[in-house]
Amino acid sequence: MLDDLLQAVGPEWMQLELDTYWIAKSGLDPVQMLKRYAGLVKAIHLKDMSADGEMAEVGRGVLDWPSILTAARAAGVCNYFIELDNADELDPARPITGLTGGMQYIQCICRCEALHAPANGHIIQAE
C-alpha cells in the first residue's frame, strides 16, 4: 500500500515517519523498511517488542537496535522519538522510568558503536 501511494503521489512529495514496533508487529523488518525507503524517512519512533509481540521498554525486547540505528543513520533519519505507549501499564507508579531506561540504552549503543545522528538530527524523549 505504501508503495502504491508513493507511486501515485511521487516520492518527491512525501516524507515518512516509521514506527519500529508496529513494523515488527506486522511481521516486517524495521531494518529492511529503513533501507527500502532510504531518503524518505525523516523520523522514527523507537519502540521495542517483547518475544510475545507486546510492547516493551526499548532495550528489553527482541528488536535489533544496533542494526536499526545503523540503518536509520544510513537512511538519513533526522529525528528519533523514544516512545512507550503502555508505560503506565508496565510501571504504574513511575511511567517515565521505561522511557528513561530506553533513552539510556539507545545512547549507550550510539556511544559504543560510534553512531551519531546527522548534524541536524535530534534524539527526543517523547510520550
N, C-alpha and C. Protein backbone atom coordinates (compact mmCIF):
# COMPACT_ATOMS: atom_id res chain seq x y z
N MET A 1 0.81 -1.19 0.00
CA MET A 1 0.00 0.00 0.00
C MET A 1 0.86 1.27 0.00
N LEU A 2 1.91 1.27 0.79
CA LEU A 2 2.80 2.42 0.83
C LEU A 2 3.48 2.64 -0.51
N ASP A 3 3.88 1.55 -1.15
CA ASP A 3 4.49 1.68 -2.47
C ASP A 3 3.51 2.25 -3.48
N ASP A 4 2.24 1.83 -3.39
CA ASP A 4 1.22 2.37 -4.30
C ASP A 4 1.04 3.86 -4.08
N LEU A 5 1.02 4.28 -2.83
CA LEU A 5 0.88 5.70 -2.51
C LEU A 5 2.07 6.50 -3.03
N LEU A 6 3.27 5.97 -2.83
CA LEU A 6 4.47 6.65 -3.33
C LEU A 6 4.45 6.76 -4.84
N GLN A 7 3.98 5.71 -5.50
CA GLN A 7 3.92 5.73 -6.96
C GLN A 7 2.87 6.74 -7.44
N ALA A 8 1.74 6.78 -6.78
CA ALA A 8 0.66 7.69 -7.19
C ALA A 8 1.00 9.15 -6.94
N VAL A 9 1.59 9.42 -5.79
CA VAL A 9 1.87 10.81 -5.40
C VAL A 9 3.23 11.26 -5.89
N GLY A 10 4.19 10.36 -5.84
CA GLY A 10 5.56 10.70 -6.19
C GLY A 10 6.38 10.91 -4.93
N PRO A 11 7.53 10.24 -4.85
CA PRO A 11 8.35 10.33 -3.64
C PRO A 11 8.84 11.74 -3.33
N GLU A 12 8.91 12.58 -4.34
CA GLU A 12 9.37 13.96 -4.09
C GLU A 12 8.36 14.76 -3.27
N TRP A 13 7.15 14.25 -3.14
CA TRP A 13 6.10 14.94 -2.38
C TRP A 13 5.84 14.30 -1.02
N MET A 14 6.64 13.31 -0.67
CA MET A 14 6.36 12.58 0.58
C MET A 14 7.60 12.48 1.46
N GLN A 15 7.34 12.47 2.75
CA GLN A 15 8.33 12.12 3.75
C GLN A 15 7.66 11.10 4.67
N LEU A 16 8.45 10.18 5.18
CA LEU A 16 7.89 9.12 6.00
C LEU A 16 8.36 9.22 7.45
N GLU A 17 7.51 8.73 8.33
CA GLU A 17 7.81 8.61 9.75
C GLU A 17 7.44 7.18 10.14
N LEU A 18 8.44 6.38 10.46
CA LEU A 18 8.22 4.96 10.74
C LEU A 18 8.19 4.68 12.23
N ASP A 19 7.58 3.57 12.59
CA ASP A 19 7.45 3.13 13.98
C ASP A 19 7.98 1.70 14.06
N THR A 20 9.08 1.50 14.78
CA THR A 20 9.72 0.19 14.81
C THR A 20 8.82 -0.91 15.37
N TYR A 21 8.05 -0.60 16.39
CA TYR A 21 7.18 -1.62 16.98
C TYR A 21 6.13 -2.08 15.98
N TRP A 22 5.42 -1.14 15.39
CA TRP A 22 4.32 -1.52 14.50
C TRP A 22 4.82 -2.17 13.22
N ILE A 23 6.01 -1.80 12.78
CA ILE A 23 6.60 -2.50 11.63
C ILE A 23 6.85 -3.96 12.01
N ALA A 24 7.50 -4.18 13.15
CA ALA A 24 7.81 -5.54 13.60
C ALA A 24 6.53 -6.32 13.91
N LYS A 25 5.57 -5.67 14.54
CA LYS A 25 4.30 -6.32 14.91
C LYS A 25 3.58 -6.83 13.65
N SER A 26 3.73 -6.11 12.55
CA SER A 26 3.08 -6.51 11.31
C SER A 26 3.84 -7.62 10.58
N GLY A 27 4.99 -8.04 11.15
CA GLY A 27 5.76 -9.12 10.54
C GLY A 27 6.85 -8.66 9.60
N LEU A 28 7.06 -7.36 9.52
CA LEU A 28 8.10 -6.82 8.65
C LEU A 28 9.35 -6.50 9.47
N ASP A 29 10.45 -6.25 8.79
CA ASP A 29 11.73 -5.97 9.44
C ASP A 29 12.00 -4.46 9.39
N PRO A 30 12.13 -3.81 10.54
CA PRO A 30 12.40 -2.37 10.54
C PRO A 30 13.65 -1.99 9.75
N VAL A 31 14.69 -2.82 9.81
CA VAL A 31 15.92 -2.52 9.07
C VAL A 31 15.65 -2.51 7.57
N GLN A 32 14.92 -3.51 7.09
CA GLN A 32 14.61 -3.58 5.66
C GLN A 32 13.72 -2.42 5.22
N MET A 33 12.79 -2.03 6.07
CA MET A 33 11.92 -0.88 5.74
C MET A 33 12.75 0.40 5.64
N LEU A 34 13.69 0.58 6.55
CA LEU A 34 14.55 1.77 6.51
C LEU A 34 15.40 1.76 5.25
N LYS A 35 15.92 0.61 4.88
CA LYS A 35 16.72 0.51 3.66
C LYS A 35 15.85 0.77 2.42
N ARG A 36 14.67 0.20 2.41
CA ARG A 36 13.78 0.32 1.25
C ARG A 36 13.37 1.77 1.01
N TYR A 37 13.12 2.51 2.09
CA TYR A 37 12.64 3.88 1.96
C TYR A 37 13.70 4.91 2.35
N ALA A 38 14.96 4.54 2.19
CA ALA A 38 16.06 5.46 2.50
C ALA A 38 15.87 6.78 1.75
N GLY A 39 16.14 7.85 2.44
CA GLY A 39 15.97 9.18 1.86
C GLY A 39 14.59 9.76 2.07
N LEU A 40 13.60 8.91 2.30
CA LEU A 40 12.24 9.38 2.53
C LEU A 40 11.88 9.42 4.01
N VAL A 41 12.56 8.60 4.81
CA VAL A 41 12.25 8.51 6.24
C VAL A 41 12.98 9.64 6.96
N LYS A 42 12.21 10.55 7.52
CA LYS A 42 12.80 11.70 8.22
C LYS A 42 12.72 11.54 9.72
N ALA A 43 11.81 10.69 10.21
CA ALA A 43 11.66 10.49 11.65
C ALA A 43 11.33 9.03 11.92
N ILE A 44 11.71 8.60 13.12
CA ILE A 44 11.44 7.22 13.50
C ILE A 44 11.04 7.18 14.97
N HIS A 45 10.00 6.39 15.23
CA HIS A 45 9.54 6.16 16.60
C HIS A 45 10.22 4.88 17.07
N LEU A 46 11.06 4.99 18.07
CA LEU A 46 11.79 3.85 18.60
C LEU A 46 10.97 3.19 19.69
N LYS A 47 10.42 2.04 19.36
CA LYS A 47 9.62 1.25 20.30
C LYS A 47 10.06 -0.20 20.18
N ASP A 48 10.12 -0.90 21.28
CA ASP A 48 10.58 -2.29 21.28
C ASP A 48 9.39 -3.25 21.39
N MET A 49 9.65 -4.51 21.06
CA MET A 49 8.62 -5.54 21.10
C MET A 49 9.15 -6.74 21.88
N SER A 50 8.33 -7.26 22.78
CA SER A 50 8.71 -8.45 23.54
C SER A 50 8.60 -9.68 22.65
N ALA A 51 9.13 -10.79 23.13
CA ALA A 51 9.08 -12.04 22.37
C ALA A 51 7.65 -12.49 22.08
N ASP A 52 6.71 -12.10 22.95
CA ASP A 52 5.32 -12.49 22.72
C ASP A 52 4.53 -11.45 21.93
N GLY A 53 5.23 -10.46 21.37
CA GLY A 53 4.59 -9.49 20.49
C GLY A 53 4.00 -8.27 21.16
N GLU A 54 4.21 -8.14 22.45
CA GLU A 54 3.69 -6.97 23.16
C GLU A 54 4.73 -5.85 23.15
N MET A 55 4.29 -4.65 23.46
CA MET A 55 5.20 -3.52 23.53
C MET A 55 6.09 -3.67 24.76
N ALA A 56 7.37 -3.34 24.60
CA ALA A 56 8.34 -3.46 25.69
C ALA A 56 9.17 -2.19 25.76
N GLU A 57 9.82 -1.99 26.90
CA GLU A 57 10.73 -0.86 27.02
C GLU A 57 11.86 -1.05 26.00
N VAL A 58 12.29 0.03 25.39
CA VAL A 58 13.38 -0.04 24.42
C VAL A 58 14.60 -0.65 25.11
N GLY A 59 15.15 -1.69 24.48
CA GLY A 59 16.30 -2.39 25.03
C GLY A 59 15.95 -3.63 25.82
N ARG A 60 14.67 -3.83 26.10
CA ARG A 60 14.24 -5.01 26.88
C ARG A 60 13.43 -5.98 26.02
N GLY A 61 13.37 -5.71 24.74
CA GLY A 61 12.62 -6.57 23.84
C GLY A 61 13.55 -7.32 22.89
N VAL A 62 13.02 -7.65 21.73
CA VAL A 62 13.74 -8.50 20.78
C VAL A 62 14.25 -7.77 19.54
N LEU A 63 13.96 -6.49 19.42
CA LEU A 63 14.41 -5.77 18.22
C LEU A 63 15.92 -5.54 18.25
N ASP A 64 16.53 -5.58 17.09
CA ASP A 64 17.98 -5.46 16.93
C ASP A 64 18.35 -3.98 16.81
N TRP A 65 18.54 -3.32 17.95
CA TRP A 65 18.77 -1.88 17.96
C TRP A 65 20.04 -1.43 17.28
N PRO A 66 21.18 -2.10 17.43
CA PRO A 66 22.35 -1.64 16.68
C PRO A 66 22.11 -1.62 15.17
N SER A 67 21.45 -2.66 14.65
CA SER A 67 21.16 -2.70 13.21
C SER A 67 20.13 -1.65 12.81
N ILE A 68 19.12 -1.44 13.65
CA ILE A 68 18.09 -0.43 13.36
C ILE A 68 18.71 0.96 13.33
N LEU A 69 19.54 1.27 14.32
CA LEU A 69 20.15 2.60 14.37
C LEU A 69 21.13 2.83 13.22
N THR A 70 21.87 1.79 12.85
CA THR A 70 22.77 1.90 11.70
C THR A 70 21.97 2.16 10.42
N ALA A 71 20.89 1.42 10.23
CA ALA A 71 20.05 1.59 9.04
C ALA A 71 19.38 2.96 9.04
N ALA A 72 18.94 3.43 10.21
CA ALA A 72 18.30 4.75 10.30
C ALA A 72 19.28 5.84 9.92
N ARG A 73 20.48 5.74 10.43
CA ARG A 73 21.50 6.75 10.10
C ARG A 73 21.79 6.74 8.59
N ALA A 74 21.95 5.55 8.03
CA ALA A 74 22.23 5.43 6.59
C ALA A 74 21.06 5.92 5.75
N ALA A 75 19.84 5.78 6.26
CA ALA A 75 18.64 6.20 5.52
C ALA A 75 18.41 7.71 5.59
N GLY A 76 19.17 8.40 6.45
CA GLY A 76 19.02 9.84 6.55
C GLY A 76 17.99 10.30 7.57
N VAL A 77 17.65 9.43 8.52
CA VAL A 77 16.69 9.82 9.56
C VAL A 77 17.28 10.95 10.38
N CYS A 78 16.48 11.98 10.62
CA CYS A 78 16.92 13.16 11.36
C CYS A 78 16.37 13.24 12.77
N ASN A 79 15.22 12.63 13.01
CA ASN A 79 14.55 12.75 14.31
C ASN A 79 14.19 11.38 14.85
N TYR A 80 14.55 11.15 16.11
CA TYR A 80 14.33 9.88 16.78
C TYR A 80 13.46 10.14 18.00
N PHE A 81 12.35 9.43 18.11
CA PHE A 81 11.43 9.58 19.23
C PHE A 81 11.37 8.27 20.01
N ILE A 82 11.80 8.28 21.25
CA ILE A 82 11.72 7.09 22.09
C ILE A 82 10.35 7.10 22.74
N GLU A 83 9.58 6.05 22.48
CA GLU A 83 8.21 6.00 22.97
C GLU A 83 7.93 4.70 23.69
N LEU A 84 6.96 4.75 24.55
CA LEU A 84 6.47 3.57 25.24
C LEU A 84 4.99 3.81 25.50
N ASP A 85 4.16 3.36 24.58
CA ASP A 85 2.73 3.64 24.64
C ASP A 85 2.07 3.09 25.90
N ASN A 86 2.60 2.00 26.44
CA ASN A 86 1.98 1.37 27.60
C ASN A 86 2.82 1.55 28.87
N ALA A 87 3.52 2.66 28.99
CA ALA A 87 4.40 2.89 30.14
C ALA A 87 3.65 2.80 31.46
N ASP A 88 2.44 3.31 31.50
CA ASP A 88 1.67 3.29 32.75
C ASP A 88 1.26 1.86 33.14
N GLU A 89 1.18 0.96 32.18
CA GLU A 89 0.85 -0.44 32.48
C GLU A 89 2.07 -1.18 33.02
N LEU A 90 3.26 -0.87 32.49
CA LEU A 90 4.46 -1.58 32.91
C LEU A 90 4.91 -1.17 34.31
N ASP A 91 4.79 0.09 34.63
CA ASP A 91 5.18 0.60 35.96
C ASP A 91 4.25 1.75 36.32
N PRO A 92 3.04 1.44 36.81
CA PRO A 92 2.04 2.48 37.07
C PRO A 92 2.53 3.59 38.00
N ALA A 93 3.40 3.27 38.93
CA ALA A 93 3.88 4.28 39.88
C ALA A 93 4.89 5.23 39.25
N ARG A 94 5.59 4.75 38.22
CA ARG A 94 6.64 5.56 37.60
C ARG A 94 6.65 5.34 36.09
N PRO A 95 5.68 5.87 35.36
CA PRO A 95 5.61 5.61 33.92
C PRO A 95 6.79 6.15 33.13
N ILE A 96 7.49 7.15 33.63
CA ILE A 96 8.62 7.72 32.90
C ILE A 96 9.86 6.82 32.96
N THR A 97 9.89 5.87 33.90
CA THR A 97 11.04 5.00 34.09
C THR A 97 11.42 4.26 32.81
N GLY A 98 10.45 3.70 32.12
CA GLY A 98 10.72 2.96 30.89
C GLY A 98 11.31 3.82 29.80
N LEU A 99 10.88 5.06 29.72
CA LEU A 99 11.44 5.97 28.73
C LEU A 99 12.88 6.33 29.06
N THR A 100 13.13 6.58 30.33
CA THR A 100 14.49 6.94 30.75
C THR A 100 15.45 5.79 30.47
N GLY A 101 15.03 4.57 30.81
CA GLY A 101 15.87 3.41 30.55
C GLY A 101 16.10 3.20 29.07
N GLY A 102 15.07 3.40 28.26
CA GLY A 102 15.21 3.27 26.82
C GLY A 102 16.15 4.31 26.24
N MET A 103 16.05 5.53 26.74
CA MET A 103 16.93 6.61 26.29
C MET A 103 18.38 6.28 26.62
N GLN A 104 18.62 5.80 27.83
CA GLN A 104 19.99 5.44 28.23
C GLN A 104 20.51 4.29 27.38
N TYR A 105 19.66 3.33 27.07
CA TYR A 105 20.06 2.19 26.25
C TYR A 105 20.47 2.65 24.85
N ILE A 106 19.65 3.47 24.22
CA ILE A 106 19.96 3.97 22.88
C ILE A 106 21.23 4.81 22.90
N GLN A 107 21.38 5.67 23.89
CA GLN A 107 22.59 6.49 23.99
C GLN A 107 23.83 5.62 24.15
N CYS A 108 23.72 4.55 24.92
CA CYS A 108 24.84 3.63 25.10
C CYS A 108 25.23 2.98 23.78
N ILE A 109 24.25 2.53 23.02
CA ILE A 109 24.55 1.93 21.71
C ILE A 109 25.23 2.96 20.82
N CYS A 110 24.72 4.16 20.82
CA CYS A 110 25.29 5.21 19.96
C CYS A 110 26.74 5.50 20.35
N ARG A 111 27.02 5.53 21.64
CA ARG A 111 28.39 5.78 22.09
C ARG A 111 29.28 4.58 21.79
N CYS A 112 28.80 3.39 22.12
CA CYS A 112 29.61 2.18 21.96
C CYS A 112 29.91 1.88 20.49
N GLU A 113 28.99 2.17 19.63
CA GLU A 113 29.16 1.87 18.21
C GLU A 113 29.60 3.09 17.42
N ALA A 114 29.85 4.19 18.12
CA ALA A 114 30.26 5.44 17.48
C ALA A 114 29.26 5.89 16.43
N LEU A 115 27.97 5.65 16.73
CA LEU A 115 26.90 6.12 15.86
C LEU A 115 26.45 7.47 16.36
N HIS A 116 26.19 8.37 15.46
CA HIS A 116 25.68 9.68 15.84
C HIS A 116 24.63 10.09 14.82
N ALA A 117 23.62 10.78 15.31
CA ALA A 117 22.61 11.33 14.40
C ALA A 117 23.30 12.35 13.51
N PRO A 118 22.78 12.60 12.32
CA PRO A 118 23.35 13.64 11.47
C PRO A 118 23.42 14.96 12.23
N ALA A 119 24.24 15.87 11.75
CA ALA A 119 24.46 17.14 12.45
C ALA A 119 23.16 17.86 12.78
N ASN A 120 22.15 17.72 11.94
CA ASN A 120 20.88 18.39 12.20
C ASN A 120 19.89 17.48 12.92
N GLY A 121 20.33 16.29 13.32
CA GLY A 121 19.43 15.33 13.95
C GLY A 121 19.24 15.58 15.43
N HIS A 122 18.17 15.02 15.94
CA HIS A 122 17.83 15.19 17.35
C HIS A 122 17.36 13.86 17.91
N ILE A 123 17.73 13.59 19.14
CA ILE A 123 17.12 12.48 19.85
C ILE A 123 16.21 13.11 20.88
N ILE A 124 14.93 12.80 20.80
CA ILE A 124 13.93 13.44 21.64
C ILE A 124 13.20 12.38 22.46
N GLN A 125 13.08 12.61 23.74
CA GLN A 125 12.29 11.71 24.58
C GLN A 125 10.86 12.19 24.52
N ALA A 126 9.95 11.31 24.17
CA ALA A 126 8.55 11.72 23.99
C ALA A 126 7.62 10.74 24.68
N GLU A 127 6.40 11.19 24.90
CA GLU A 127 5.31 10.41 25.49
C GLU A 127 5.75 9.82 26.79
